[in-house]
């Protein structure tokens, strides 16, 4: 069995560029956090003359309450994102083949696009000398109510094996 690396070769620069941009964003975020940490340390070390400790601590408690509220809001959002990701395409399997004996080069294919539960679609394209036929079949829990070809079953099996 031969693995087709053209996808990885084609999109590798975008992947590395994305990682570089992520590094830059994280560096900026780190610098921002350090600045905030220093400002907070200065506030505790040097209270204003007109401000007593009780007022300063009350202000800090209010900031903590606001921070907790914001953290809870972010937690709720992350839960929502997690629920949405459950139904996103996470498993892909591709099989190329010759659909007709007079056509070479593995021009026909079946591709399974599935979420982590095995729900999605399998798309097949049968390439002939003078025509191309495309079929789409819905999948529910790794199977379809429509008859699946051997190539479609192989694409689903590949997608199942690539999951997390």
Protein backbone atom coordinates (compact mmCIF):
# COMPACT_ATOMS: atom_id res chain seq x y z
CA UNK A 1 0.00 0.00 0.00
CA UNK A 2 1.42 3.35 -1.02
CA UNK A 3 0.67 6.56 0.92
CA UNK A 4 0.02 9.69 -1.09
CA UNK A 5 1.95 12.57 0.48
CA UNK A 6 1.02 15.23 -2.09
CA UNK A 7 -1.53 16.75 0.30
CA UNK A 8 1.12 17.21 2.96
CA UNK A 9 3.68 18.50 0.48
CA UNK A 10 1.19 20.99 -0.95
CA UNK A 11 -0.02 22.42 2.36
CA UNK A 12 3.15 22.14 4.50
CA UNK A 13 4.16 25.82 3.96
CA UNK A 14 0.70 26.96 5.11
CA UNK A 15 0.97 24.74 8.17
CA UNK A 16 4.37 26.17 9.10
CA UNK A 17 3.19 29.73 8.42
CA UNK A 18 0.19 29.12 10.67
CA UNK A 19 2.46 27.85 13.43
CA UNK A 20 4.72 30.87 13.03
CA UNK A 21 1.74 33.23 13.30
CA UNK A 22 0.53 31.34 16.36
CA UNK A 23 3.99 31.76 17.93
CA UNK A 24 3.90 35.51 17.27
CA UNK A 25 0.41 35.83 18.76
CA UNK A 26 1.46 33.83 21.83
CA UNK A 27 4.58 35.98 22.24
CA UNK A 28 2.50 39.17 22.11
CA UNK A 29 0.08 37.67 24.61
CA UNK A 30 2.96 36.71 26.90
CA UNK A 31 4.35 40.26 26.77
CA UNK A 32 0.89 41.65 27.53
CA UNK A 33 0.53 39.33 30.53
CA UNK A 34 3.98 40.27 31.84
CA UNK A 35 3.07 43.95 31.60
CA UNK A 36 -0.13 43.35 33.54
CA UNK A 37 1.76 41.31 36.14
CA UNK A 38 4.24 44.13 36.70
CA UNK A 39 1.46 46.71 36.98
CA UNK A 40 -0.36 44.56 39.54
CA UNK A 41 2.83 44.05 41.55
CA UNK A 42 3.41 47.83 41.60
CA UNK A 43 -0.14 48.43 42.83
CA UNK A 44 0.38 46.11 45.77
CA UNK A 45 3.81 47.43 46.61
CA UNK A 46 3.03 51.12 46.35
CA UNK A 47 -0.52 52.05 47.36
CA UNK A 48 -1.57 55.60 46.62
CA UNK A 49 -1.30 58.04 49.53
CA UNK A 50 -5.00 58.88 49.48
CA UNK A 51 -6.09 55.23 49.31
CA UNK A 52 -6.19 53.08 52.41
CA UNK A 53 -5.64 49.32 52.48
CA UNK A 54 -9.31 48.51 52.96
CA UNK A 55 -10.30 50.42 49.83
CA UNK A 56 -7.44 48.86 47.87
CA UNK A 57 -8.46 45.34 48.91
CA UNK A 58 -12.10 46.07 48.06
CA UNK A 59 -11.05 47.16 44.58
CA UNK A 60 -9.00 44.01 44.13
CA UNK A 61 -11.87 41.81 45.29
CA UNK A 62 -14.13 43.45 42.71
CA UNK A 63 -11.51 42.79 40.02
CA UNK A 64 -11.35 39.16 41.14
CA UNK A 65 -15.15 38.84 40.93
CA UNK A 66 -15.10 40.27 37.41
CA UNK A 67 -12.29 37.89 36.47
CA UNK A 68 -14.23 34.90 37.82
CA UNK A 69 -17.32 35.99 35.85
CA UNK A 70 -15.22 36.29 32.69
CA UNK A 71 -13.61 32.88 33.32
CA UNK A 72 -17.07 31.31 33.70
CA UNK A 73 -18.20 32.94 30.47
CA UNK A 74 -15.12 31.61 28.67
CA UNK A 75 -15.73 28.15 30.12
CA UNK A 76 -19.30 28.19 28.78
CA UNK A 77 -18.03 29.25 25.36
CA UNK A 78 -15.42 26.50 25.32
CA UNK A 79 -18.14 23.96 26.16
CA UNK A 80 -20.18 25.25 23.21
CA UNK A 81 -17.17 25.00 20.90
CA UNK A 82 -16.58 21.44 22.10
CA UNK A 83 -20.17 20.50 21.31
CA UNK A 84 -19.88 22.01 17.83
CA UNK A 85 -16.61 20.19 17.16
CA UNK A 86 -18.31 16.87 17.91
CA UNK A 87 -20.18 17.26 14.61
CA UNK A 88 -17.35 18.61 12.46
CA UNK A 89 -15.47 16.58 9.86
CA UNK A 90 -12.71 14.85 11.78
CA UNK A 91 -12.18 11.66 9.82
CA UNK A 92 -11.35 11.46 6.12
CA UNK A 93 -10.61 8.41 4.01
CA UNK A 94 -9.76 8.42 0.29
CA UNK A 95 -9.50 5.49 -2.12
CA UNK A 96 -8.48 5.93 -5.76
CA UNK A 97 -9.20 3.19 -8.29
CA UNK A 98 -9.96 2.33 -11.91
CA UNK A 99 -13.73 2.13 -12.33
CA UNK A 100 -13.59 0.88 -15.92
CA UNK A 101 -11.07 -1.45 -17.56
CA UNK A 102 -10.38 0.93 -20.47
CA UNK A 103 -9.44 3.88 -18.20
CA UNK A 104 -6.13 3.89 -16.32
CA UNK A 105 -4.40 6.12 -13.83
CA UNK A 106 -6.75 5.58 -10.90
CA UNK A 107 -8.90 8.53 -11.97
CA UNK A 108 -11.98 7.37 -10.03
CA UNK A 109 -12.20 7.86 -6.28
CA UNK A 110 -14.29 7.45 -3.15
CA UNK A 111 -13.91 9.85 -0.24
CA UNK A 112 -15.52 9.48 3.18
CA UNK A 113 -16.02 12.70 5.18
CA UNK A 114 -17.14 11.85 8.71
CA UNK A 115 -17.41 13.21 12.22
CA UNK A 116 -16.15 11.26 15.24
CA UNK A 117 -19.45 9.37 15.50
CA UNK A 118 -19.26 8.04 11.93
CA UNK A 119 -21.93 10.39 10.59
CA UNK A 120 -21.30 12.17 7.30
CA UNK A 121 -21.12 11.35 3.62
CA UNK A 122 -19.21 9.19 1.19
CA UNK A 123 -18.73 10.66 -2.28
CA UNK A 124 -17.69 8.57 -5.26
CA UNK A 125 -16.62 9.75 -8.68
CA UNK A 126 -16.46 7.21 -11.49
CA UNK A 127 -14.31 8.50 -14.33
CA UNK A 128 -14.80 6.98 -17.79
CA UNK A 129 -13.34 7.94 -21.14
CA UNK A 130 -16.32 10.07 -22.14
CA UNK A 131 -18.19 10.69 -18.91
CA UNK A 132 -17.91 11.18 -15.20
CA UNK A 133 -20.50 10.05 -12.66
CA UNK A 134 -20.63 11.35 -9.10
CA UNK A 135 -22.56 9.68 -6.28
CA UNK A 136 -23.09 10.85 -2.70
CA UNK A 137 -24.43 8.58 0.02
CA UNK A 138 -25.25 9.67 3.57
CA UNK A 139 -23.63 7.78 6.42
CA UNK A 140 -24.95 7.23 9.92
CA UNK A 141 -22.72 5.43 12.45
CA UNK A 142 -20.28 4.19 9.78
CA UNK A 143 -22.99 2.71 7.54
CA UNK A 144 -25.46 3.81 4.87
CA UNK A 145 -28.99 2.85 3.98
CA UNK A 146 -27.76 2.72 0.37
CA UNK A 147 -25.65 -0.11 -1.00
CA UNK A 148 -21.95 0.70 -0.69
CA UNK A 149 -19.31 -0.34 -3.21
CA UNK A 150 -16.11 -2.03 -2.06
CA UNK A 151 -14.18 1.19 -2.65
CA UNK A 152 -16.65 3.19 -0.58
CA UNK A 153 -16.33 0.65 2.23
CA UNK A 154 -12.53 0.96 2.01
CA UNK A 155 -12.75 4.78 2.24
CA UNK A 156 -14.99 4.49 5.32
CA UNK A 157 -12.58 1.98 6.88
CA UNK A 158 -9.66 4.37 6.25
CA UNK A 159 -11.58 7.23 7.85
CA UNK A 160 -12.43 5.01 10.84
CA UNK A 161 -8.76 4.08 11.29
CA UNK A 162 -7.56 7.71 11.19
CA UNK A 163 -9.74 8.95 14.02
CA UNK A 164 -8.69 10.06 17.47
